[in-house]
PDB file of all heavy atoms in Angstrom:
ATOM      1  N   VAL A   1      -7.138  17.681  -2.449  1.00  0.00           N
ATOM      2  CA  VAL A   1      -8.017  17.024  -3.407  1.00  0.00           C
ATOM      3  C   VAL A   1      -7.133  16.274  -4.406  1.00  0.00           C
ATOM      4  O   VAL A   1      -6.355  16.893  -5.144  1.00  0.00           O
ATOM      5  CB  VAL A   1      -8.923  18.021  -4.142  1.00  0.00           C
ATOM      6  CG1 VAL A   1      -9.849  17.292  -5.110  1.00  0.00           C
ATOM      7  CG2 VAL A   1      -9.740  18.844  -3.138  1.00  0.00           C
ATOM      8  N   LEU A   2      -7.261  14.959  -4.410  1.00  0.00           N
ATOM      9  CA  LEU A   2      -6.443  14.115  -5.274  1.00  0.00           C
ATOM     10  C   LEU A   2      -7.276  13.547  -6.416  1.00  0.00           C
ATOM     11  O   LEU A   2      -8.419  13.115  -6.206  1.00  0.00           O
ATOM     12  CB  LEU A   2      -5.848  12.944  -4.492  1.00  0.00           C
ATOM     13  CG  LEU A   2      -4.919  13.276  -3.326  1.00  0.00           C
ATOM     14  CD1 LEU A   2      -4.424  11.977  -2.688  1.00  0.00           C
ATOM     15  CD2 LEU A   2      -3.739  14.135  -3.771  1.00  0.00           C
ATOM     16  N   GLY A   3      -6.710  13.526  -7.599  1.00  0.00           N
ATOM     17  CA  GLY A   3      -7.268  12.769  -8.706  1.00  0.00           C
ATOM     18  C   GLY A   3      -6.546  11.435  -8.769  1.00  0.00           C
ATOM     19  O   GLY A   3      -5.305  11.395  -8.802  1.00  0.00           O
ATOM     20  N   LEU A   4      -7.285  10.348  -8.746  1.00  0.00           N
ATOM     21  CA  LEU A   4      -6.687   9.016  -8.653  1.00  0.00           C
ATOM     22  C   LEU A   4      -6.913   8.219  -9.933  1.00  0.00           C
ATOM     23  O   LEU A   4      -7.808   8.510 -10.721  1.00  0.00           O
ATOM     24  CB  LEU A   4      -7.253   8.271  -7.445  1.00  0.00           C
ATOM     25  CG  LEU A   4      -6.998   8.952  -6.093  1.00  0.00           C
ATOM     26  CD1 LEU A   4      -7.618   8.132  -4.970  1.00  0.00           C
ATOM     27  CD2 LEU A   4      -5.508   9.162  -5.844  1.00  0.00           C
ATOM     28  N   ALA A   5      -6.075   7.213 -10.114  1.00  0.00           N
ATOM     29  CA  ALA A   5      -6.097   6.376 -11.306  1.00  0.00           C
ATOM     30  C   ALA A   5      -6.081   4.908 -10.885  1.00  0.00           C
ATOM     31  O   ALA A   5      -5.877   4.585  -9.711  1.00  0.00           O
ATOM     32  CB  ALA A   5      -4.892   6.691 -12.193  1.00  0.00           C
ATOM     33  N   THR A   6      -6.285   4.028 -11.844  1.00  0.00           N
ATOM     34  CA  THR A   6      -6.293   2.596 -11.575  1.00  0.00           C
ATOM     35  C   THR A   6      -5.319   1.907 -12.534  1.00  0.00           C
ATOM     36  O   THR A   6      -4.713   2.532 -13.390  1.00  0.00           O
ATOM     37  CB  THR A   6      -7.703   2.010 -11.759  1.00  0.00           C
ATOM     38  OG1 THR A   6      -8.172   2.356 -13.062  1.00  0.00           O
ATOM     39  CG2 THR A   6      -8.670   2.553 -10.716  1.00  0.00           C
ATOM     40  N   GLY A   7      -5.167   0.601 -12.355  1.00  0.00           N
ATOM     41  CA  GLY A   7      -4.284  -0.167 -13.218  1.00  0.00           C
ATOM     42  C   GLY A   7      -3.124  -0.763 -12.450  1.00  0.00           C
ATOM     43  O   GLY A   7      -2.861  -0.407 -11.289  1.00  0.00           O
ATOM     44  N   ARG A   8      -2.409  -1.641 -13.091  1.00  0.00           N
ATOM     45  CA  ARG A   8      -1.324  -2.363 -12.424  1.00  0.00           C
ATOM     46  C   ARG A   8      -0.222  -1.424 -11.932  1.00  0.00           C
ATOM     47  O   ARG A   8       0.352  -1.637 -10.875  1.00  0.00           O
ATOM     48  CB  ARG A   8      -0.751  -3.414 -13.373  1.00  0.00           C
ATOM     49  CG  ARG A   8      -1.696  -4.596 -13.605  1.00  0.00           C
ATOM     50  CD  ARG A   8      -1.063  -5.654 -14.491  1.00  0.00           C
ATOM     51  NE  ARG A   8      -0.826  -5.163 -15.846  1.00  0.00           N
ATOM     52  CZ  ARG A   8      -1.735  -5.190 -16.817  1.00  0.00           C
ATOM     53  NH1 ARG A   8      -2.958  -5.655 -16.572  1.00  0.00           N
ATOM     54  NH2 ARG A   8      -1.451  -4.746 -18.028  1.00  0.00           N
ATOM     55  N   THR A   9       0.069  -0.375 -12.704  1.00  0.00           N
ATOM     56  CA  THR A   9       1.114   0.559 -12.292  1.00  0.00           C
ATOM     57  C   THR A   9       0.775   1.221 -10.969  1.00  0.00           C
ATOM     58  O   THR A   9       1.671   1.510 -10.163  1.00  0.00           O
ATOM     59  CB  THR A   9       1.315   1.636 -13.378  1.00  0.00           C
ATOM     60  OG1 THR A   9       1.632   0.999 -14.613  1.00  0.00           O
ATOM     61  CG2 THR A   9       2.439   2.595 -13.006  1.00  0.00           C
ATOM     62  N   MET A  10      -0.499   1.455 -10.717  1.00  0.00           N
ATOM     63  CA  MET A  10      -0.918   2.169  -9.513  1.00  0.00           C
ATOM     64  C   MET A  10      -0.890   1.292  -8.263  1.00  0.00           C
ATOM     65  O   MET A  10      -0.834   1.810  -7.149  1.00  0.00           O
ATOM     66  CB  MET A  10      -2.326   2.737  -9.703  1.00  0.00           C
ATOM     67  CG  MET A  10      -2.459   3.628 -10.935  1.00  0.00           C
ATOM     68  SD  MET A  10      -1.273   4.987 -10.928  1.00  0.00           S
ATOM     69  CE  MET A  10      -1.063   5.268 -12.683  1.00  0.00           C
ATOM     70  N   GLU A  11      -0.928  -0.008  -8.425  1.00  0.00           N
ATOM     71  CA  GLU A  11      -1.032  -0.895  -7.262  1.00  0.00           C
ATOM     72  C   GLU A  11       0.152  -0.740  -6.318  1.00  0.00           C
ATOM     73  O   GLU A  11      -0.007  -0.707  -5.100  1.00  0.00           O
ATOM     74  CB  GLU A  11      -1.201  -2.341  -7.727  1.00  0.00           C
ATOM     75  CG  GLU A  11      -2.542  -2.571  -8.414  1.00  0.00           C
ATOM     76  CD  GLU A  11      -2.686  -3.950  -9.017  1.00  0.00           C
ATOM     77  OE1 GLU A  11      -1.850  -4.835  -8.702  1.00  0.00           O
ATOM     78  OE2 GLU A  11      -3.624  -4.159  -9.818  1.00  0.00           O
ATOM     79  N   GLY A  12       1.362  -0.631  -6.871  1.00  0.00           N
ATOM     80  CA  GLY A  12       2.530  -0.439  -6.026  1.00  0.00           C
ATOM     81  C   GLY A  12       2.513   0.906  -5.324  1.00  0.00           C
ATOM     82  O   GLY A  12       2.958   1.027  -4.169  1.00  0.00           O
ATOM     83  N   ILE A  13       2.012   1.924  -6.006  1.00  0.00           N
ATOM     84  CA  ILE A  13       1.911   3.248  -5.396  1.00  0.00           C
ATOM     85  C   ILE A  13       0.950   3.213  -4.219  1.00  0.00           C
ATOM     86  O   ILE A  13       1.253   3.703  -3.118  1.00  0.00           O
ATOM     87  CB  ILE A  13       1.453   4.285  -6.443  1.00  0.00           C
ATOM     88  CG1 ILE A  13       2.463   4.377  -7.585  1.00  0.00           C
ATOM     89  CG2 ILE A  13       1.221   5.650  -5.786  1.00  0.00           C
ATOM     90  CD1 ILE A  13       1.994   5.218  -8.759  1.00  0.00           C
ATOM     91  N   TYR A  14      -0.216   2.627  -4.423  1.00  0.00           N
ATOM     92  CA  TYR A  14      -1.207   2.576  -3.354  1.00  0.00           C
ATOM     93  C   TYR A  14      -0.729   1.716  -2.183  1.00  0.00           C
ATOM     94  O   TYR A  14      -1.007   2.033  -1.022  1.00  0.00           O
ATOM     95  CB  TYR A  14      -2.540   2.072  -3.899  1.00  0.00           C
ATOM     96  CG  TYR A  14      -3.185   3.020  -4.883  1.00  0.00           C
ATOM     97  CD1 TYR A  14      -4.000   2.555  -5.910  1.00  0.00           C
ATOM     98  CD2 TYR A  14      -2.983   4.398  -4.794  1.00  0.00           C
ATOM     99  CE1 TYR A  14      -4.593   3.435  -6.822  1.00  0.00           C
ATOM    100  CE2 TYR A  14      -3.569   5.277  -5.687  1.00  0.00           C
ATOM    101  CZ  TYR A  14      -4.372   4.792  -6.700  1.00  0.00           C
ATOM    102  OH  TYR A  14      -4.946   5.660  -7.596  1.00  0.00           O
ATOM    103  N   ALA A  15      -0.009   0.653  -2.465  1.00  0.00           N
ATOM    104  CA  ALA A  15       0.529  -0.187  -1.384  1.00  0.00           C
ATOM    105  C   ALA A  15       1.477   0.627  -0.506  1.00  0.00           C
ATOM    106  O   ALA A  15       1.470   0.489   0.733  1.00  0.00           O
ATOM    107  CB  ALA A  15       1.242  -1.398  -1.964  1.00  0.00           C
ATOM    108  N   ARG A  16       2.268   1.481  -1.106  1.00  0.00           N
ATOM    109  CA  ARG A  16       3.216   2.288  -0.341  1.00  0.00           C
ATOM    110  C   ARG A  16       2.506   3.392   0.427  1.00  0.00           C
ATOM    111  O   ARG A  16       2.913   3.724   1.554  1.00  0.00           O
ATOM    112  CB  ARG A  16       4.285   2.851  -1.284  1.00  0.00           C
ATOM    113  CG  ARG A  16       5.299   1.776  -1.700  1.00  0.00           C
ATOM    114  CD  ARG A  16       5.987   2.097  -3.011  1.00  0.00           C
ATOM    115  NE  ARG A  16       7.002   1.107  -3.345  1.00  0.00           N
ATOM    116  CZ  ARG A  16       6.730  -0.091  -3.882  1.00  0.00           C
ATOM    117  NH1 ARG A  16       5.466  -0.443  -4.136  1.00  0.00           N
ATOM    118  NH2 ARG A  16       7.708  -0.933  -4.142  1.00  0.00           N
ATOM    119  N   LEU A  17       1.453   3.968  -0.148  1.00  0.00           N
ATOM    120  CA  LEU A  17       0.674   4.956   0.598  1.00  0.00           C
ATOM    121  C   LEU A  17      -0.022   4.306   1.799  1.00  0.00           C
ATOM    122  O   LEU A  17      -0.059   4.889   2.891  1.00  0.00           O
ATOM    123  CB  LEU A  17      -0.357   5.603  -0.323  1.00  0.00           C
ATOM    124  CG  LEU A  17       0.193   6.504  -1.429  1.00  0.00           C
ATOM    125  CD1 LEU A  17      -0.924   6.941  -2.370  1.00  0.00           C
ATOM    126  CD2 LEU A  17       0.906   7.728  -0.851  1.00  0.00           C
ATOM    127  N   ALA A  18      -0.563   3.108   1.591  1.00  0.00           N
ATOM    128  CA  ALA A  18      -1.209   2.388   2.694  1.00  0.00           C
ATOM    129  C   ALA A  18      -0.197   2.061   3.787  1.00  0.00           C
ATOM    130  O   ALA A  18      -0.505   2.156   4.984  1.00  0.00           O
ATOM    131  CB  ALA A  18      -1.864   1.114   2.167  1.00  0.00           C
ATOM    132  N   GLN A  19       0.999   1.683   3.388  1.00  0.00           N
ATOM    133  CA  GLN A  19       2.045   1.373   4.365  1.00  0.00           C
ATOM    134  C   GLN A  19       2.426   2.616   5.170  1.00  0.00           C
ATOM    135  O   GLN A  19       2.598   2.541   6.395  1.00  0.00           O
ATOM    136  CB  GLN A  19       3.268   0.812   3.651  1.00  0.00           C
ATOM    137  CG  GLN A  19       4.395   0.406   4.599  1.00  0.00           C
ATOM    138  CD  GLN A  19       5.592  -0.143   3.855  1.00  0.00           C
ATOM    139  OE1 GLN A  19       6.002   0.390   2.826  1.00  0.00           O
ATOM    140  NE2 GLN A  19       6.164  -1.226   4.363  1.00  0.00           N
ATOM    141  N   ALA A  20       2.527   3.761   4.490  1.00  0.00           N
ATOM    142  CA  ALA A  20       2.853   4.997   5.199  1.00  0.00           C
ATOM    143  C   ALA A  20       1.762   5.346   6.210  1.00  0.00           C
ATOM    144  O   ALA A  20       2.053   5.797   7.329  1.00  0.00           O
ATOM    145  CB  ALA A  20       3.036   6.135   4.200  1.00  0.00           C
ATOM    146  N   HIS A  21       0.508   5.134   5.825  1.00  0.00           N
ATOM    147  CA  HIS A  21      -0.582   5.383   6.774  1.00  0.00           C
ATOM    148  C   HIS A  21      -0.488   4.431   7.966  1.00  0.00           C
ATOM    149  O   HIS A  21      -0.633   4.853   9.122  1.00  0.00           O
ATOM    150  CB  HIS A  21      -1.936   5.212   6.087  1.00  0.00           C
ATOM    151  CG  HIS A  21      -3.078   5.235   7.039  1.00  0.00           C
ATOM    152  ND1 HIS A  21      -3.485   6.367   7.695  1.00  0.00           N
ATOM    153  CD2 HIS A  21      -3.890   4.229   7.489  1.00  0.00           C
ATOM    154  CE1 HIS A  21      -4.495   6.082   8.492  1.00  0.00           C
ATOM    155  NE2 HIS A  21      -4.759   4.795   8.385  1.00  0.00           N
ATOM    156  N   GLU A  22      -0.218   3.168   7.698  1.00  0.00           N
ATOM    157  CA  GLU A  22      -0.114   2.177   8.782  1.00  0.00           C
ATOM    158  C   GLU A  22       1.016   2.533   9.746  1.00  0.00           C
ATOM    159  O   GLU A  22       0.902   2.324  10.957  1.00  0.00           O
ATOM    160  CB  GLU A  22       0.119   0.788   8.190  1.00  0.00           C
ATOM    161  CG  GLU A  22       0.150  -0.322   9.219  1.00  0.00           C
ATOM    162  CD  GLU A  22       0.356  -1.695   8.600  1.00  0.00           C
ATOM    163  OE1 GLU A  22       0.531  -1.780   7.367  1.00  0.00           O
ATOM    164  OE2 GLU A  22       0.370  -2.678   9.363  1.00  0.00           O
ATOM    165  N   GLN A  23       2.071   3.108   9.216  1.00  0.00           N
ATOM    166  CA  GLN A  23       3.210   3.490  10.046  1.00  0.00           C
ATOM    167  C   GLN A  23       2.986   4.815  10.768  1.00  0.00           C
ATOM    168  O   GLN A  23       3.839   5.256  11.541  1.00  0.00           O
ATOM    169  CB  GLN A  23       4.468   3.581   9.182  1.00  0.00           C
ATOM    170  CG  GLN A  23       4.914   2.229   8.633  1.00  0.00           C
ATOM    171  CD  GLN A  23       6.019   2.350   7.592  1.00  0.00           C
ATOM    172  OE1 GLN A  23       6.278   3.443   7.061  1.00  0.00           O
ATOM    173  NE2 GLN A  23       6.679   1.250   7.287  1.00  0.00           N
ATOM    174  N   GLY A  24       1.847   5.461  10.512  1.00  0.00           N
ATOM    175  CA  GLY A  24       1.491   6.682  11.205  1.00  0.00           C
ATOM    176  C   GLY A  24       2.086   7.949  10.621  1.00  0.00           C
ATOM    177  O   GLY A  24       2.055   9.009  11.259  1.00  0.00           O
ATOM    178  N   THR A  25       2.595   7.877   9.395  1.00  0.00           N
ATOM    179  CA  THR A  25       3.240   9.044   8.792  1.00  0.00           C
ATOM    180  C   THR A  25       2.379   9.728   7.730  1.00  0.00           C
ATOM    181  O   THR A  25       2.808  10.726   7.162  1.00  0.00           O
ATOM    182  CB  THR A  25       4.586   8.651   8.156  1.00  0.00           C
ATOM    183  OG1 THR A  25       4.357   7.671   7.129  1.00  0.00           O
ATOM    184  CG2 THR A  25       5.529   8.064   9.203  1.00  0.00           C
ATOM    185  N   LEU A  26       1.178   9.204   7.469  1.00  0.00           N
ATOM    186  CA  LEU A  26       0.341   9.773   6.418  1.00  0.00           C
ATOM    187  C   LEU A  26      -1.124   9.710   6.827  1.00  0.00           C
ATOM    188  O   LEU A  26      -1.658   8.629   7.105  1.00  0.00           O
ATOM    189  CB  LEU A  26       0.558   9.018   5.107  1.00  0.00           C
ATOM    190  CG  LEU A  26      -0.105   9.598   3.844  1.00  0.00           C
ATOM    191  CD1 LEU A  26       0.321  11.032   3.617  1.00  0.00           C
ATOM    192  CD2 LEU A  26       0.235   8.739   2.631  1.00  0.00           C
ATOM    193  N   ASP A  27      -1.771  10.869   6.841  1.00  0.00           N
ATOM    194  CA  ASP A  27      -3.157  11.004   7.285  1.00  0.00           C
ATOM    195  C   ASP A  27      -4.051  11.338   6.087  1.00  0.00           C
ATOM    196  O   ASP A  27      -3.834  12.331   5.402  1.00  0.00           O
ATOM    197  CB  ASP A  27      -3.236  12.116   8.328  1.00  0.00           C
ATOM    198  CG  ASP A  27      -4.632  12.352   8.855  1.00  0.00           C
ATOM    199  OD1 ASP A  27      -5.513  11.487   8.650  1.00  0.00           O
ATOM    200  OD2 ASP A  27      -4.864  13.412   9.479  1.00  0.00           O
ATOM    201  N   PHE A  28      -5.052  10.496   5.848  1.00  0.00           N
ATOM    202  CA  PHE A  28      -5.986  10.703   4.747  1.00  0.00           C
ATOM    203  C   PHE A  28      -7.308  11.302   5.211  1.00  0.00           C
ATOM    204  O   PHE A  28      -8.233  11.424   4.414  1.00  0.00           O
ATOM    205  CB  PHE A  28      -6.281   9.370   4.054  1.00  0.00           C
ATOM    206  CG  PHE A  28      -5.227   8.913   3.082  1.00  0.00           C
ATOM    207  CD1 PHE A  28      -4.082   8.275   3.526  1.00  0.00           C
ATOM    208  CD2 PHE A  28      -5.376   9.124   1.718  1.00  0.00           C
ATOM    209  CE1 PHE A  28      -3.107   7.842   2.640  1.00  0.00           C
ATOM    210  CE2 PHE A  28      -4.415   8.703   0.817  1.00  0.00           C
ATOM    211  CZ  PHE A  28      -3.275   8.067   1.279  1.00  0.00           C
ATOM    212  N   SER A  29      -7.434  11.684   6.463  1.00  0.00           N
ATOM    213  CA  SER A  29      -8.741  12.040   7.011  1.00  0.00           C
ATOM    214  C   SER A  29      -9.356  13.276   6.341  1.00  0.00           C
ATOM    215  O   SER A  29     -10.582  13.416   6.331  1.00  0.00           O
ATOM    216  CB  SER A  29      -8.648  12.258   8.523  1.00  0.00           C
ATOM    217  OG  SER A  29      -7.771  13.335   8.825  1.00  0.00           O
ATOM    218  N   CYS A  30      -8.532  14.172   5.798  1.00  0.00           N
ATOM    219  CA  CYS A  30      -9.061  15.366   5.155  1.00  0.00           C
ATOM    220  C   CYS A  30      -8.945  15.322   3.633  1.00  0.00           C
ATOM    221  O   CYS A  30      -9.200  16.318   2.954  1.00  0.00           O
ATOM    222  CB  CYS A  30      -8.331  16.604   5.680  1.00  0.00           C
ATOM    223  SG  CYS A  30      -8.699  16.956   7.411  1.00  0.00           S
ATOM    224  N   VAL A  31      -8.588  14.155   3.089  1.00  0.00           N
ATOM    225  CA  VAL A  31      -8.412  14.022   1.643  1.00  0.00           C
ATOM    226  C   VAL A  31      -9.761  13.819   0.955  1.00  0.00           C
ATOM    227  O   VAL A  31     -10.604  13.042   1.423  1.00  0.00           O
ATOM    228  CB  VAL A  31      -7.482  12.835   1.312  1.00  0.00           C
ATOM    229  CG1 VAL A  31      -7.471  12.537  -0.191  1.00  0.00           C
ATOM    230  CG2 VAL A  31      -6.068  13.115   1.813  1.00  0.00           C
ATOM    231  N   THR A  32      -9.950  14.517  -0.159  1.00  0.00           N
ATOM    232  CA  THR A  32     -11.046  14.259  -1.085  1.00  0.00           C
ATOM    233  C   THR A  32     -10.445  13.674  -2.344  1.00  0.00           C
ATOM    234  O   THR A  32      -9.381  14.112  -2.795  1.00  0.00           O
ATOM    235  CB  THR A  32     -11.795  15.551  -1.419  1.00  0.00           C
ATOM    236  OG1 THR A  32     -12.393  16.070  -0.224  1.00  0.00           O
ATOM    237  CG2 THR A  32     -12.883  15.323  -2.462  1.00  0.00           C
ATOM    238  N   SER A  33     -11.100  12.664  -2.923  1.00  0.00           N
ATOM    239  CA  SER A  33     -10.551  12.037  -4.132  1.00  0.00           C
ATOM    240  C   SER A  33     -11.593  11.957  -5.236  1.00  0.00           C
ATOM    241  O   SER A  33     -12.790  11.813  -4.984  1.00  0.00           O
ATOM    242  CB  SER A  33     -10.018  10.634  -3.817  1.00  0.00           C
ATOM    243  OG  SER A  33     -11.079   9.730  -3.556  1.00  0.00           O
ATOM    244  N   PHE A  34     -11.087  12.055  -6.466  1.00  0.00           N
ATOM    245  CA  PHE A  34     -11.890  11.868  -7.671  1.00  0.00           C
ATOM    246  C   PHE A  34     -11.124  10.930  -8.601  1.00  0.00           C
ATOM    247  O   PHE A  34      -9.977  11.217  -8.967  1.00  0.00           O
ATOM    248  CB  PHE A  34     -12.134  13.203  -8.388  1.00  0.00           C
ATOM    249  CG  PHE A  34     -13.052  14.129  -7.663  1.00  0.00           C
ATOM    250  CD1 PHE A  34     -12.551  15.057  -6.768  1.00  0.00           C
ATOM    251  CD2 PHE A  34     -14.425  14.068  -7.877  1.00  0.00           C
ATOM    252  CE1 PHE A  34     -13.393  15.916  -6.082  1.00  0.00           C
ATOM    253  CE2 PHE A  34     -15.279  14.919  -7.198  1.00  0.00           C
ATOM    254  CZ  PHE A  34     -14.771  15.846  -6.296  1.00  0.00           C
ATOM    255  N   ASN A  35     -11.750   9.829  -8.961  1.00  0.00           N
ATOM    256  CA  ASN A  35     -11.100   8.911  -9.892  1.00  0.00           C
ATOM    257  C   ASN A  35     -11.339   9.329 -11.334  1.00  0.00           C
ATOM    258  O   ASN A  35     -12.348   9.963 -11.667  1.00  0.00           O
ATOM    259  CB  ASN A  35     -11.583   7.482  -9.685  1.00  0.00           C
ATOM    260  CG  ASN A  35     -10.658   6.696  -8.784  1.00  0.00           C
ATOM    261  OD1 ASN A  35     -10.626   6.925  -7.573  1.00  0.00           O
ATOM    262  ND2 ASN A  35      -9.897   5.784  -9.373  1.00  0.00           N
ATOM    263  N   LEU A  36     -10.429   8.912 -12.181  1.00  0.00           N
ATOM    264  CA  LEU A  36     -10.488   9.281 -13.588  1.00  0.00           C
ATOM    265  C   LEU A  36     -11.679   8.692 -14.321  1.00  0.00           C
ATOM    266  O   LEU A  36     -12.278   9.351 -15.174  1.00  0.00           O
ATOM    267  CB  LEU A  36      -9.215   8.807 -14.304  1.00  0.00           C
ATOM    268  CG  LEU A  36      -7.947   9.610 -14.078  1.00  0.00           C
ATOM    269  CD1 LEU A  36      -6.750   8.832 -14.600  1.00  0.00           C
ATOM    270  CD2 LEU A  36      -8.047  10.957 -14.799  1.00  0.00           C
TER     271      LEU A  36
END
């Protein structure tokens, strides 16, 4: 269960998480998220 945030600082973080998923090294299928 992840708590997520928004803003310019987060954009680079999310881009890298998306890249890891695209490369097959990160699975979000069981993740639950709550934004601030």
